[in-house]
């Protein structure tokens, strides 16, 4: 026979699963330095956009 879990146990289990997945994902991002790689890619794209604009510098 299968026992029915109480609402608190289900919620605690779900919370632990979510925290485990979040911790694992953050560890992979940190270990592979993915945040800096994404920022580097973004900076290159932004610089391409702004380098094409005409510059009007007046002092």
PDB file of N, CA and C in Angstrom:
ATOM      1  N   UNK A   1       0.818  -1.175   0.000  1.00  0.00           N
ATOM      2  CA  UNK A   1       0.000   0.000   0.000  1.00  0.00           C
ATOM      3  C   UNK A   1       0.870   1.249   0.000  1.00  0.00           C
ATOM      4  N   UNK A   2       0.409   2.217  -0.747  1.00  0.00           N
ATOM      5  CA  UNK A   2       1.136   3.472  -0.867  1.00  0.00           C
ATOM      6  C   UNK A   2       0.565   4.489   0.107  1.00  0.00           C
ATOM      7  N   UNK A   3       1.465   5.093   0.884  1.00  0.00           N
ATOM      8  CA  UNK A   3       1.012   6.106   1.836  1.00  0.00           C
ATOM      9  C   UNK A   3       0.891   7.454   1.147  1.00  0.00           C
ATOM     10  N   UNK A   4      -0.102   8.200   1.513  1.00  0.00           N
ATOM     11  CA  UNK A   4      -0.256   9.558   1.013  1.00  0.00           C
ATOM     12  C   UNK A   4       0.639  10.485   1.833  1.00  0.00           C
ATOM     13  N   UNK A   5       1.396  11.326   1.141  1.00  0.00           N
ATOM     14  CA  UNK A   5       2.261  12.265   1.827  1.00  0.00           C
ATOM     15  C   UNK A   5       1.449  13.488   2.251  1.00  0.00           C
ATOM     16  N   UNK A   6       1.847  14.057   3.337  1.00  0.00           N
ATOM     17  CA  UNK A   6       1.156  15.260   3.800  1.00  0.00           C
ATOM     18  C   UNK A   6       1.577  16.451   2.928  1.00  0.00           C
ATOM     19  N   UNK A   7       0.838  17.495   2.992  1.00  0.00           N
ATOM     20  CA  UNK A   7       1.071  18.686   2.181  1.00  0.00           C
ATOM     21  C   UNK A   7       2.429  19.318   2.495  1.00  0.00           C
ATOM     22  N   UNK A   8       2.815  19.317   3.762  1.00  0.00           N
ATOM     23  CA  UNK A   8       4.082  19.912   4.166  1.00  0.00           C
ATOM     24  C   UNK A   8       5.242  19.111   3.587  1.00  0.00           C
ATOM     25  N   UNK A   9       5.138  17.786   3.593  1.00  0.00           N
ATOM     26  CA  UNK A   9       6.205  16.941   3.056  1.00  0.00           C
ATOM     27  C   UNK A   9       6.351  17.140   1.550  1.00  0.00           C
ATOM     28  N   UNK A  10       5.235  17.249   0.844  1.00  0.00           N
ATOM     29  CA  UNK A  10       5.281  17.484  -0.600  1.00  0.00           C
ATOM     30  C   UNK A  10       5.928  18.834  -0.908  1.00  0.00           C
ATOM     31  N   UNK A  11       5.544  19.843  -0.146  1.00  0.00           N
ATOM     32  CA  UNK A  11       6.092  21.181  -0.354  1.00  0.00           C
ATOM     33  C   UNK A  11       7.582  21.218  -0.037  1.00  0.00           C
ATOM     34  N   UNK A  12       7.981  20.560   1.044  1.00  0.00           N
ATOM     35  CA  UNK A  12       9.401  20.528   1.411  1.00  0.00           C
ATOM     36  C   UNK A  12      10.206  19.789   0.345  1.00  0.00           C
ATOM     37  N   UNK A  13       9.670  18.696  -0.173  1.00  0.00           N
ATOM     38  CA  UNK A  13      10.357  17.947  -1.226  1.00  0.00           C
ATOM     39  C   UNK A  13      10.506  18.765  -2.490  1.00  0.00           C
ATOM     40  N   UNK A  14       9.455  19.466  -2.866  1.00  0.00           N
ATOM     41  CA  UNK A  14       9.504  20.322  -4.048  1.00  0.00           C
ATOM     42  C   UNK A  14      10.512  21.451  -3.866  1.00  0.00           C
ATOM     43  N   UNK A  15      10.528  22.041  -2.687  1.00  0.00           N
ATOM     44  CA  UNK A  15      11.468  23.121  -2.386  1.00  0.00           C
ATOM     45  C   UNK A  15      12.913  22.616  -2.453  1.00  0.00           C
ATOM     46  N   UNK A  16      13.170  21.439  -1.915  1.00  0.00           N
ATOM     47  CA  UNK A  16      14.512  20.863  -1.967  1.00  0.00           C
ATOM     48  C   UNK A  16      14.943  20.569  -3.400  1.00  0.00           C
ATOM     49  N   UNK A  17      14.025  20.089  -4.221  1.00  0.00           N
ATOM     50  CA  UNK A  17      14.345  19.826  -5.630  1.00  0.00           C
ATOM     51  C   UNK A  17      14.701  21.128  -6.349  1.00  0.00           C
ATOM     52  N   UNK A  18      13.905  22.164  -6.133  1.00  0.00           N
ATOM     53  CA  UNK A  18      14.148  23.449  -6.788  1.00  0.00           C
ATOM     54  C   UNK A  18      15.482  24.036  -6.342  1.00  0.00           C
ATOM     55  N   UNK A  19      15.761  23.989  -5.039  1.00  0.00           N
ATOM     56  CA  UNK A  19      17.034  24.509  -4.529  1.00  0.00           C
ATOM     57  C   UNK A  19      18.216  23.691  -5.046  1.00  0.00           C
ATOM     58  N   UNK A  20      18.043  22.386  -5.158  1.00  0.00           N
ATOM     59  CA  UNK A  20      19.111  21.541  -5.694  1.00  0.00           C
ATOM     60  C   UNK A  20      19.412  21.852  -7.147  1.00  0.00           C
ATOM     61  N   UNK A  21      18.369  22.038  -7.938  1.00  0.00           N
ATOM     62  CA  UNK A  21      18.562  22.376  -9.355  1.00  0.00           C
ATOM     63  C   UNK A  21      19.209  23.747  -9.488  1.00  0.00           C
ATOM     64  N   UNK A  22      18.759  24.716  -8.699  1.00  0.00           N
ATOM     65  CA  UNK A  22      19.338  26.063  -8.763  1.00  0.00           C
ATOM     66  C   UNK A  22      20.805  26.043  -8.346  1.00  0.00           C
ATOM     67  N   UNK A  23      21.128  25.315  -7.285  1.00  0.00           N
ATOM     68  CA  UNK A  23      22.520  25.230  -6.829  1.00  0.00           C
ATOM     69  C   UNK A  23      23.387  24.557  -7.884  1.00  0.00           C
ATOM     70  N   UNK A  24      22.905  23.486  -8.484  1.00  0.00           N
ATOM     71  CA  UNK A  24      23.661  22.803  -9.531  1.00  0.00           C
ATOM     72  C   UNK A  24      23.890  23.686 -10.741  1.00  0.00           C
ATOM     73  N   UNK A  25      22.875  24.419 -11.145  1.00  0.00           N
ATOM     74  CA  UNK A  25      23.007  25.310 -12.294  1.00  0.00           C
ATOM     75  C   UNK A  25      24.006  26.427 -12.009  1.00  0.00           C
ATOM     76  N   UNK A  26      23.905  27.030 -10.833  1.00  0.00           N
ATOM     77  CA  UNK A  26      24.840  28.098 -10.478  1.00  0.00           C
ATOM     78  C   UNK A  26      26.277  27.577 -10.371  1.00  0.00           C
ATOM     79  N   UNK A  27      26.459  26.359  -9.894  1.00  0.00           N
ATOM     80  CA  UNK A  27      27.798  25.783  -9.816  1.00  0.00           C
ATOM     81  C   UNK A  27      28.386  25.601 -11.209  1.00  0.00           C
ATOM     82  N   UNK A  28      27.584  25.106 -12.150  1.00  0.00           N
ATOM     83  CA  UNK A  28      28.074  24.912 -13.526  1.00  0.00           C
ATOM     84  C   UNK A  28      28.440  26.264 -14.146  1.00  0.00           C
ATOM     85  N   UNK A  29      27.599  27.279 -13.950  1.00  0.00           N
ATOM     86  CA  UNK A  29      27.888  28.615 -14.484  1.00  0.00           C
ATOM     87  C   UNK A  29      29.183  29.147 -13.886  1.00  0.00           C
ATOM     88  N   UNK A  30      29.367  28.980 -12.586  1.00  0.00           N
ATOM     89  CA  UNK A  30      30.581  29.454 -11.914  1.00  0.00           C
ATOM     90  C   UNK A  30      31.802  28.657 -12.370  1.00  0.00           C
ATOM     91  N   UNK A  31      31.688  27.345 -12.427  1.00  0.00           N
ATOM     92  CA  UNK A  31      32.828  26.489 -12.746  1.00  0.00           C
ATOM     93  C   UNK A  31      33.323  26.719 -14.169  1.00  0.00           C
ATOM     94  N   UNK A  32      32.410  26.916 -15.115  1.00  0.00           N
ATOM     95  CA  UNK A  32      32.788  27.113 -16.519  1.00  0.00           C
ATOM     96  C   UNK A  32      32.946  28.585 -16.888  1.00  0.00           C
ATOM     97  N   UNK A  33      32.754  29.495 -15.921  1.00  0.00           N
ATOM     98  CA  UNK A  33      32.908  30.931 -16.133  1.00  0.00           C
ATOM     99  C   UNK A  33      31.979  31.430 -17.253  1.00  0.00           C
ATOM    100  N   UNK A  34      30.764  30.908 -17.286  1.00  0.00           N
ATOM    101  CA  UNK A  34      29.830  31.238 -18.363  1.00  0.00           C
ATOM    102  C   UNK A  34      29.330  32.671 -18.283  1.00  0.00           C
ATOM    103  N   UNK A  35      29.267  33.241 -17.084  1.00  0.00           N
ATOM    104  CA  UNK A  35      28.775  34.605 -16.969  1.00  0.00           C
ATOM    105  C   UNK A  35      29.709  35.580 -17.669  1.00  0.00           C
ATOM    106  N   UNK A  36      31.010  35.420 -17.517  1.00  0.00           N
ATOM    107  CA  UNK A  36      31.954  36.310 -18.186  1.00  0.00           C
ATOM    108  C   UNK A  36      31.962  36.081 -19.693  1.00  0.00           C
ATOM    109  N   UNK A  37      31.726  34.863 -20.128  1.00  0.00           N
ATOM    110  CA  UNK A  37      31.686  34.578 -21.564  1.00  0.00           C
ATOM    111  C   UNK A  37      30.476  35.238 -22.207  1.00  0.00           C
ATOM    112  N   UNK A  38      29.346  35.207 -21.517  1.00  0.00           N
ATOM    113  CA  UNK A  38      28.137  35.852 -22.043  1.00  0.00           C
ATOM    114  C   UNK A  38      28.322  37.370 -22.061  1.00  0.00           C
ATOM    115  N   UNK A  39      28.894  37.940 -20.998  1.00  0.00           N
ATOM    116  CA  UNK A  39      29.133  39.381 -20.970  1.00  0.00           C
ATOM    117  C   UNK A  39      30.111  39.809 -22.055  1.00  0.00           C
ATOM    118  N   UNK A  40      31.127  39.012 -22.300  1.00  0.00           N
ATOM    119  CA  UNK A  40      32.087  39.326 -23.361  1.00  0.00           C
ATOM    120  C   UNK A  40      31.382  39.364 -24.712  1.00  0.00           C
ATOM    121  N   UNK A  41      30.509  38.400 -24.951  1.00  0.00           N
ATOM    122  CA  UNK A  41      29.751  38.360 -26.211  1.00  0.00           C
ATOM    123  C   UNK A  41      28.859  39.596 -26.329  1.00  0.00           C
ATOM    124  N   UNK A  42      28.196  39.978 -25.229  1.00  0.00           N
ATOM    125  CA  UNK A  42      27.318  41.157 -25.246  1.00  0.00           C
ATOM    126  C   UNK A  42      28.109  42.435 -25.502  1.00  0.00           C
ATOM    127  N   UNK A  43      29.261  42.585 -24.860  1.00  0.00           N
ATOM    128  CA  UNK A  43      30.084  43.779 -25.070  1.00  0.00           C
ATOM    129  C   UNK A  43      30.512  43.907 -26.523  1.00  0.00           C
ATOM    130  N   UNK A  44      30.867  42.796 -27.141  1.00  0.00           N
ATOM    131  CA  UNK A  44      31.269  42.836 -28.553  1.00  0.00           C
ATOM    132  C   UNK A  44      30.116  43.296 -29.433  1.00  0.00           C
ATOM    133  N   UNK A  45      28.910  42.799 -29.168  1.00  0.00           N
ATOM    134  CA  UNK A  45      27.743  43.193 -29.971  1.00  0.00           C
ATOM    135  C   UNK A  45      27.407  44.661 -29.756  1.00  0.00           C
ATOM    136  N   UNK A  46      27.458  45.125 -28.522  1.00  0.00           N
ATOM    137  CA  UNK A  46      27.150  46.529 -28.226  1.00  0.00           C
ATOM    138  C   UNK A  46      28.186  47.438 -28.874  1.00  0.00           C
ATOM    139  N   UNK A  47      29.450  47.062 -28.796  1.00  0.00           N
ATOM    140  CA  UNK A  47      30.487  47.872 -29.418  1.00  0.00           C
ATOM    141  C   UNK A  47      30.328  47.919 -30.935  1.00  0.00           C
ATOM    142  N   UNK A  48      29.904  46.840 -31.556  1.00  0.00           N
ATOM    143  CA  UNK A  48      29.646  46.856 -32.999  1.00  0.00           C
ATOM    144  C   UNK A  48      28.543  47.856 -33.337  1.00  0.00           C
ATOM    145  N   UNK A  49      27.524  47.905 -32.518  1.00  0.00           N
ATOM    146  CA  UNK A  49      26.405  48.820 -32.768  1.00  0.00           C
ATOM    147  C   UNK A  49      26.865  50.274 -32.612  1.00  0.00           C
ATOM    148  N   UNK A  50      27.571  50.576 -31.526  1.00  0.00           N
ATOM    149  CA  UNK A  50      27.943  51.958 -31.255  1.00  0.00           C
ATOM    150  C   UNK A  50      29.122  52.434 -32.087  1.00  0.00           C
ATOM    151  N   UNK A  51      29.954  51.530 -32.588  1.00  0.00           N
ATOM    152  CA  UNK A  51      31.065  51.938 -33.445  1.00  0.00           C
ATOM    153  C   UNK A  51      30.573  52.402 -34.811  1.00  0.00           C
ATOM    154  N   UNK A  52      29.393  51.961 -35.225  1.00  0.00           N
ATOM    155  CA  UNK A  52      28.835  52.367 -36.518  1.00  0.00           C
ATOM    156  C   UNK A  52      28.164  53.737 -36.466  1.00  0.00           C
ATOM    157  N   UNK A  53      27.843  54.213 -35.284  1.00  0.00           N
ATOM    158  CA  UNK A  53      27.162  55.504 -35.157  1.00  0.00           C
ATOM    159  C   UNK A  53      28.129  56.645 -35.440  1.00  0.00           C
ATOM    160  N   UNK A  54      27.637  57.692 -36.061  1.00  0.00           N
ATOM    161  CA  UNK A  54      28.499  58.865 -36.254  1.00  0.00           C
ATOM    162  C   UNK A  54      28.747  59.533 -34.892  1.00  0.00           C
ATOM    163  N   UNK A  55      29.962  60.012 -34.725  1.00  0.00           N
ATOM    164  CA  UNK A  55      30.315  60.617 -33.446  1.00  0.00           C
ATOM    165  C   UNK A  55      30.342  62.136 -33.587  1.00  0.00           C
ATOM    166  N   UNK A  56      29.708  62.786 -32.665  1.00  0.00           N
ATOM    167  CA  UNK A  56      29.660  64.237 -32.641  1.00  0.00           C
ATOM    168  C   UNK A  56      30.131  64.696 -31.273  1.00  0.00           C
ATOM    169  N   UNK A  57      31.407  64.973 -31.159  1.00  0.00           N
ATOM    170  CA  UNK A  57      31.968  65.369 -29.883  1.00  0.00           C
ATOM    171  C   UNK A  57      32.230  66.875 -29.923  1.00  0.00           C
ATOM    172  N   UNK A  58      31.573  67.572 -29.008  1.00  0.00           N
ATOM    173  CA  UNK A  58      31.761  69.022 -28.908  1.00  0.00           C
ATOM    174  C   UNK A  58      32.089  69.358 -27.479  1.00  0.00           C
ATOM    175  N   UNK A  59      33.151  70.110 -27.310  1.00  0.00           N
ATOM    176  CA  UNK A  59      33.544  70.522 -25.975  1.00  0.00           C
ATOM    177  C   UNK A  59      33.264  71.986 -25.789  1.00  0.00           C
TER     178      UNK A  59
END
